Amino acid sequence: SKVDGRRLVFDVVAHDEVERIAEGL
């Protein structure tokens, strides 16, 4: 989601077979 020189920022998300179980950066 963002590149700041050598620093890279990712939006992260995880799902199991039923629902979203995590979100963040």
PDB file of all heavy atoms in Angstrom:
ATOM      1  N   SER A   1       0.802  -1.225   0.000  1.00  0.00           N
ATOM      2  CA  SER A   1       0.000   0.000   0.000  1.00  0.00           C
ATOM      3  C   SER A   1       0.835   1.275   0.000  1.00  0.00           C
ATOM      4  O   SER A   1       0.332   2.345  -0.329  1.00  0.00           O
ATOM      5  CB  SER A   1      -0.946   0.015   1.193  1.00  0.00           C
ATOM      6  OG  SER A   1      -0.229  -0.042   2.408  1.00  0.00           O
ATOM      7  N   LYS A   2       2.123   1.158   0.382  1.00  0.00           N
ATOM      8  CA  LYS A   2       2.955   2.366   0.431  1.00  0.00           C
ATOM      9  C   LYS A   2       4.421   1.979   0.271  1.00  0.00           C
ATOM     10  O   LYS A   2       4.876   0.986   0.831  1.00  0.00           O
ATOM     11  CB  LYS A   2       2.759   3.079   1.768  1.00  0.00           C
ATOM     12  CG  LYS A   2       3.542   4.369   1.911  1.00  0.00           C
ATOM     13  CD  LYS A   2       3.257   5.039   3.244  1.00  0.00           C
ATOM     14  CE  LYS A   2       4.027   6.348   3.359  1.00  0.00           C
ATOM     15  NZ  LYS A   2       3.800   6.984   4.669  1.00  0.00           N
ATOM     16  N   VAL A   3       5.136   2.797  -0.502  1.00  0.00           N
ATOM     17  CA  VAL A   3       6.582   2.650  -0.645  1.00  0.00           C
ATOM     18  C   VAL A   3       7.196   3.966  -0.209  1.00  0.00           C
ATOM     19  O   VAL A   3       6.859   5.025  -0.730  1.00  0.00           O
ATOM     20  CB  VAL A   3       6.979   2.328  -2.107  1.00  0.00           C
ATOM     21  CG1 VAL A   3       8.490   2.268  -2.242  1.00  0.00           C
ATOM     22  CG2 VAL A   3       6.330   1.035  -2.564  1.00  0.00           C
ATOM     23  N   ASP A   4       8.093   3.899   0.784  1.00  0.00           N
ATOM     24  CA  ASP A   4       8.774   5.082   1.306  1.00  0.00           C
ATOM     25  C   ASP A   4      10.263   4.766   1.312  1.00  0.00           C
ATOM     26  O   ASP A   4      10.800   4.281   2.310  1.00  0.00           O
ATOM     27  CB  ASP A   4       8.255   5.401   2.708  1.00  0.00           C
ATOM     28  CG  ASP A   4       8.905   6.642   3.306  1.00  0.00           C
ATOM     29  OD1 ASP A   4       9.558   7.401   2.561  1.00  0.00           O
ATOM     30  OD2 ASP A   4       8.767   6.847   4.533  1.00  0.00           O
ATOM     31  N   GLY A   5      10.914   4.962   0.168  1.00  0.00           N
ATOM     32  CA  GLY A   5      12.304   4.573   0.034  1.00  0.00           C
ATOM     33  C   GLY A   5      12.417   3.062   0.129  1.00  0.00           C
ATOM     34  O   GLY A   5      11.790   2.341  -0.640  1.00  0.00           O
ATOM     35  N   ARG A   6      13.197   2.575   1.118  1.00  0.00           N
ATOM     36  CA  ARG A   6      13.363   1.132   1.309  1.00  0.00           C
ATOM     37  C   ARG A   6      12.244   0.533   2.168  1.00  0.00           C
ATOM     38  O   ARG A   6      12.136  -0.672   2.276  1.00  0.00           O
ATOM     39  CB  ARG A   6      14.712   0.843   1.967  1.00  0.00           C
ATOM     40  CG  ARG A   6      15.905   1.237   1.131  1.00  0.00           C
ATOM     41  CD  ARG A   6      17.248   0.902   1.773  1.00  0.00           C
ATOM     42  NE  ARG A   6      17.351   1.349   3.152  1.00  0.00           N
ATOM     43  CZ  ARG A   6      17.656   0.550   4.191  1.00  0.00           C
ATOM     44  NH1 ARG A   6      17.905  -0.718   4.008  1.00  0.00           N
ATOM     45  NH2 ARG A   6      17.744   1.042   5.406  1.00  0.00           N
ATOM     46  N   ARG A   7      11.434   1.395   2.792  1.00  0.00           N
ATOM     47  CA  ARG A   7      10.359   0.932   3.675  1.00  0.00           C
ATOM     48  C   ARG A   7       9.095   0.637   2.862  1.00  0.00           C
ATOM     49  O   ARG A   7       8.639   1.460   2.075  1.00  0.00           O
ATOM     50  CB  ARG A   7      10.052   1.984   4.742  1.00  0.00           C
ATOM     51  CG  ARG A   7       9.046   1.528   5.780  1.00  0.00           C
ATOM     52  CD  ARG A   7       8.881   2.582   6.878  1.00  0.00           C
ATOM     53  NE  ARG A   7       8.202   3.759   6.387  1.00  0.00           N
ATOM     54  CZ  ARG A   7       6.900   3.977   6.501  1.00  0.00           C
ATOM     55  NH1 ARG A   7       6.124   3.098   7.092  1.00  0.00           N
ATOM     56  NH2 ARG A   7       6.368   5.077   6.022  1.00  0.00           N
ATOM     57  N   LEU A   8       8.559  -0.563   3.069  1.00  0.00           N
ATOM     58  CA  LEU A   8       7.362  -1.005   2.353  1.00  0.00           C
ATOM     59  C   LEU A   8       6.258  -1.297   3.364  1.00  0.00           C
ATOM     60  O   LEU A   8       6.496  -1.971   4.367  1.00  0.00           O
ATOM     61  CB  LEU A   8       7.669  -2.275   1.562  1.00  0.00           C
ATOM     62  CG  LEU A   8       8.903  -2.226   0.657  1.00  0.00           C
ATOM     63  CD1 LEU A   8       9.182  -3.595   0.076  1.00  0.00           C
ATOM     64  CD2 LEU A   8       8.723  -1.182  -0.426  1.00  0.00           C
ATOM     65  N   VAL A   9       5.072  -0.799   3.099  1.00  0.00           N
ATOM     66  CA  VAL A   9       3.933  -1.012   3.988  1.00  0.00           C
ATOM     67  C   VAL A   9       2.900  -1.863   3.267  1.00  0.00           C
ATOM     68  O   VAL A   9       2.527  -1.558   2.128  1.00  0.00           O
ATOM     69  CB  VAL A   9       3.296   0.325   4.437  1.00  0.00           C
ATOM     70  CG1 VAL A   9       2.121   0.075   5.365  1.00  0.00           C
ATOM     71  CG2 VAL A   9       4.335   1.225   5.100  1.00  0.00           C
ATOM     72  N   PHE A  10       2.455  -2.913   3.936  1.00  0.00           N
ATOM     73  CA  PHE A  10       1.457  -3.824   3.382  1.00  0.00           C
ATOM     74  C   PHE A  10       0.185  -3.781   4.212  1.00  0.00           C
ATOM     75  O   PHE A  10       0.244  -3.779   5.448  1.00  0.00           O
ATOM     76  CB  PHE A  10       1.976  -5.275   3.417  1.00  0.00           C
ATOM     77  CG  PHE A  10       3.122  -5.532   2.498  1.00  0.00           C
ATOM     78  CD1 PHE A  10       4.426  -5.277   2.895  1.00  0.00           C
ATOM     79  CD2 PHE A  10       2.901  -6.047   1.227  1.00  0.00           C
ATOM     80  CE1 PHE A  10       5.490  -5.526   2.058  1.00  0.00           C
ATOM     81  CE2 PHE A  10       3.963  -6.299   0.379  1.00  0.00           C
ATOM     82  CZ  PHE A  10       5.250  -6.036   0.789  1.00  0.00           C
ATOM     83  N   ASP A  11      -0.942  -3.781   3.530  1.00  0.00           N
ATOM     84  CA  ASP A  11      -2.218  -4.069   4.182  1.00  0.00           C
ATOM     85  C   ASP A  11      -2.332  -5.580   4.182  1.00  0.00           C
ATOM     86  O   ASP A  11      -2.152  -6.218   3.133  1.00  0.00           O
ATOM     87  CB  ASP A  11      -3.385  -3.451   3.404  1.00  0.00           C
ATOM     88  CG  ASP A  11      -3.376  -1.932   3.462  1.00  0.00           C
ATOM     89  OD1 ASP A  11      -3.034  -1.379   4.523  1.00  0.00           O
ATOM     90  OD2 ASP A  11      -3.695  -1.303   2.441  1.00  0.00           O
ATOM     91  N   VAL A  12      -2.622  -6.160   5.342  1.00  0.00           N
ATOM     92  CA  VAL A  12      -2.694  -7.616   5.453  1.00  0.00           C
ATOM     93  C   VAL A  12      -4.074  -8.030   5.966  1.00  0.00           C
ATOM     94  O   VAL A  12      -4.707  -7.315   6.743  1.00  0.00           O
ATOM     95  CB  VAL A  12      -1.582  -8.179   6.367  1.00  0.00           C
ATOM     96  CG1 VAL A  12      -0.220  -8.007   5.708  1.00  0.00           C
ATOM     97  CG2 VAL A  12      -1.597  -7.551   7.745  1.00  0.00           C
ATOM     98  N   VAL A  13      -4.502  -9.190   5.495  1.00  0.00           N
ATOM     99  CA  VAL A  13      -5.790  -9.740   5.895  1.00  0.00           C
ATOM    100  C   VAL A  13      -5.688 -11.260   5.837  1.00  0.00           C
ATOM    101  O   VAL A  13      -4.924 -11.807   5.046  1.00  0.00           O
ATOM    102  CB  VAL A  13      -6.926  -9.216   4.982  1.00  0.00           C
ATOM    103  CG1 VAL A  13      -6.743  -9.640   3.552  1.00  0.00           C
ATOM    104  CG2 VAL A  13      -8.282  -9.608   5.510  1.00  0.00           C
ATOM    105  N   ALA A  14      -6.444 -11.930   6.702  1.00  0.00           N
ATOM    106  CA  ALA A  14      -6.488 -13.392   6.671  1.00  0.00           C
ATOM    107  C   ALA A  14      -7.912 -13.861   6.875  1.00  0.00           C
ATOM    108  O   ALA A  14      -8.690 -13.234   7.607  1.00  0.00           O
ATOM    109  CB  ALA A  14      -5.581 -13.989   7.743  1.00  0.00           C
ATOM    110  N   HIS A  15      -8.241 -14.972   6.216  1.00  0.00           N
ATOM    111  CA  HIS A  15      -9.557 -15.601   6.323  1.00  0.00           C
ATOM    112  C   HIS A  15      -9.385 -17.086   6.604  1.00  0.00           C
ATOM    113  O   HIS A  15      -8.443 -17.697   6.099  1.00  0.00           O
ATOM    114  CB  HIS A  15     -10.341 -15.471   5.006  1.00  0.00           C
ATOM    115  CG  HIS A  15     -10.754 -14.077   4.676  1.00  0.00           C
ATOM    116  ND1 HIS A  15      -9.901 -13.187   4.057  1.00  0.00           N
ATOM    117  CD2 HIS A  15     -11.913 -13.421   4.884  1.00  0.00           C
ATOM    118  CE1 HIS A  15     -10.542 -12.033   3.887  1.00  0.00           C
ATOM    119  NE2 HIS A  15     -11.754 -12.147   4.380  1.00  0.00           N
ATOM    120  N   ASP A  16     -10.294 -17.639   7.383  1.00  0.00           N
ATOM    121  CA  ASP A  16     -10.376 -19.094   7.434  1.00  0.00           C
ATOM    122  C   ASP A  16     -11.495 -19.494   6.488  1.00  0.00           C
ATOM    123  O   ASP A  16     -11.920 -18.685   5.651  1.00  0.00           O
ATOM    124  CB  ASP A  16     -10.530 -19.628   8.868  1.00  0.00           C
ATOM    125  CG  ASP A  16     -11.805 -19.181   9.580  1.00  0.00           C
ATOM    126  OD1 ASP A  16     -12.797 -18.801   8.907  1.00  0.00           O
ATOM    127  OD2 ASP A  16     -11.814 -19.241  10.832  1.00  0.00           O
ATOM    128  N   GLU A  17     -11.981 -20.689   6.575  1.00  0.00           N
ATOM    129  CA  GLU A  17     -13.002 -21.155   5.634  1.00  0.00           C
ATOM    130  C   GLU A  17     -14.377 -20.549   5.901  1.00  0.00           C
ATOM    131  O   GLU A  17     -15.290 -20.702   5.084  1.00  0.00           O
ATOM    132  CB  GLU A  17     -13.073 -22.674   5.685  1.00  0.00           C
ATOM    133  CG  GLU A  17     -11.779 -23.334   5.223  1.00  0.00           C
ATOM    134  CD  GLU A  17     -11.750 -24.823   5.508  1.00  0.00           C
ATOM    135  OE1 GLU A  17     -12.729 -25.517   5.185  1.00  0.00           O
ATOM    136  OE2 GLU A  17     -10.724 -25.279   6.059  1.00  0.00           O
ATOM    137  N   VAL A  18     -14.501 -19.806   7.002  1.00  0.00           N
ATOM    138  CA  VAL A  18     -15.796 -19.247   7.378  1.00  0.00           C
ATOM    139  C   VAL A  18     -15.813 -17.724   7.342  1.00  0.00           C
ATOM    140  O   VAL A  18     -16.786 -17.119   6.892  1.00  0.00           O
ATOM    141  CB  VAL A  18     -16.206 -19.747   8.790  1.00  0.00           C
ATOM    142  CG1 VAL A  18     -17.489 -19.087   9.265  1.00  0.00           C
ATOM    143  CG2 VAL A  18     -16.348 -21.264   8.803  1.00  0.00           C
ATOM    144  N   GLU A  19     -14.739 -17.095   7.806  1.00  0.00           N
ATOM    145  CA  GLU A  19     -14.796 -15.646   8.006  1.00  0.00           C
ATOM    146  C   GLU A  19     -13.406 -15.014   7.997  1.00  0.00           C
ATOM    147  O   GLU A  19     -12.390 -15.708   8.014  1.00  0.00           O
ATOM    148  CB  GLU A  19     -15.475 -15.329   9.342  1.00  0.00           C
ATOM    149  CG  GLU A  19     -14.711 -15.867  10.543  1.00  0.00           C
ATOM    150  CD  GLU A  19     -15.472 -15.749  11.843  1.00  0.00           C
ATOM    151  OE1 GLU A  19     -16.304 -14.830  11.981  1.00  0.00           O
ATOM    152  OE2 GLU A  19     -15.247 -16.592  12.737  1.00  0.00           O
ATOM    153  N   ARG A  20     -13.413 -13.684   8.002  1.00  0.00           N
ATOM    154  CA  ARG A  20     -12.169 -12.919   8.159  1.00  0.00           C
ATOM    155  C   ARG A  20     -11.702 -13.114   9.591  1.00  0.00           C
ATOM    156  O   ARG A  20     -12.468 -12.914  10.530  1.00  0.00           O
ATOM    157  CB  ARG A  20     -12.418 -11.439   7.882  1.00  0.00           C
ATOM    158  CG  ARG A  20     -11.177 -10.573   8.084  1.00  0.00           C
ATOM    159  CD  ARG A  20     -11.470  -9.120   7.820  1.00  0.00           C
ATOM    160  NE  ARG A  20     -11.552  -8.936   6.388  1.00  0.00           N
ATOM    161  CZ  ARG A  20     -11.170  -7.821   5.761  1.00  0.00           C
ATOM    162  NH1 ARG A  20     -10.717  -6.791   6.440  1.00  0.00           N
ATOM    163  NH2 ARG A  20     -11.269  -7.735   4.452  1.00  0.00           N
ATOM    164  N   ILE A  21     -10.427 -13.479   9.737  1.00  0.00           N
ATOM    165  CA  ILE A  21      -9.919 -13.708  11.089  1.00  0.00           C
ATOM    166  C   ILE A  21      -8.851 -12.703  11.511  1.00  0.00           C
ATOM    167  O   ILE A  21      -8.500 -12.644  12.689  1.00  0.00           O
ATOM    168  CB  ILE A  21      -9.377 -15.151  11.256  1.00  0.00           C
ATOM    169  CG1 ILE A  21      -8.173 -15.395  10.346  1.00  0.00           C
ATOM    170  CG2 ILE A  21     -10.485 -16.168  11.027  1.00  0.00           C
ATOM    171  CD1 ILE A  21      -7.365 -16.618  10.739  1.00  0.00           C
ATOM    172  N   ALA A  22      -8.349 -11.905  10.563  1.00  0.00           N
ATOM    173  CA  ALA A  22      -7.323 -10.920  10.918  1.00  0.00           C
ATOM    174  C   ALA A  22      -7.264  -9.818   9.880  1.00  0.00           C
ATOM    175  O   ALA A  22      -7.589 -10.027   8.717  1.00  0.00           O
ATOM    176  CB  ALA A  22      -5.961 -11.589  11.031  1.00  0.00           C
ATOM    177  N   GLU A  23      -6.803  -8.647  10.360  1.00  0.00           N
ATOM    178  CA  GLU A  23      -6.559  -7.518   9.471  1.00  0.00           C
ATOM    179  C   GLU A  23      -5.552  -6.598  10.141  1.00  0.00           C
ATOM    180  O   GLU A  23      -5.416  -6.600  11.368  1.00  0.00           O
ATOM    181  CB  GLU A  23      -7.857  -6.767   9.164  1.00  0.00           C
ATOM    182  CG  GLU A  23      -8.529  -6.178  10.396  1.00  0.00           C
ATOM    183  CD  GLU A  23      -9.934  -5.667  10.128  1.00  0.00           C
ATOM    184  OE1 GLU A  23     -10.554  -6.083   9.125  1.00  0.00           O
ATOM    185  OE2 GLU A  23     -10.403  -4.857  10.939  1.00  0.00           O
ATOM    186  N   GLY A  24      -4.825  -5.859   9.323  1.00  0.00           N
ATOM    187  CA  GLY A  24      -3.867  -4.931   9.887  1.00  0.00           C
ATOM    188  C   GLY A  24      -2.836  -4.485   8.879  1.00  0.00           C
ATOM    189  O   GLY A  24      -3.116  -4.450   7.684  1.00  0.00           O
ATOM    190  N   LEU A  25      -1.645  -4.138   9.394  1.00  0.00           N
ATOM    191  CA  LEU A  25      -0.576  -3.718   8.501  1.00  0.00           C
ATOM    192  C   LEU A  25       0.728  -4.363   8.916  1.00  0.00           C
ATOM    193  O   LEU A  25       0.899  -4.810  10.051  1.00  0.00           O
ATOM    194  CB  LEU A  25      -0.441  -2.196   8.438  1.00  0.00           C
ATOM    195  CG  LEU A  25       0.024  -1.434   9.662  1.00  0.00           C
ATOM    196  CD1 LEU A  25       1.529  -1.420   9.770  1.00  0.00           C
ATOM    197  CD2 LEU A  25      -0.471  -0.007   9.571  1.00  0.00           C
TER     198      LEU A  25
END
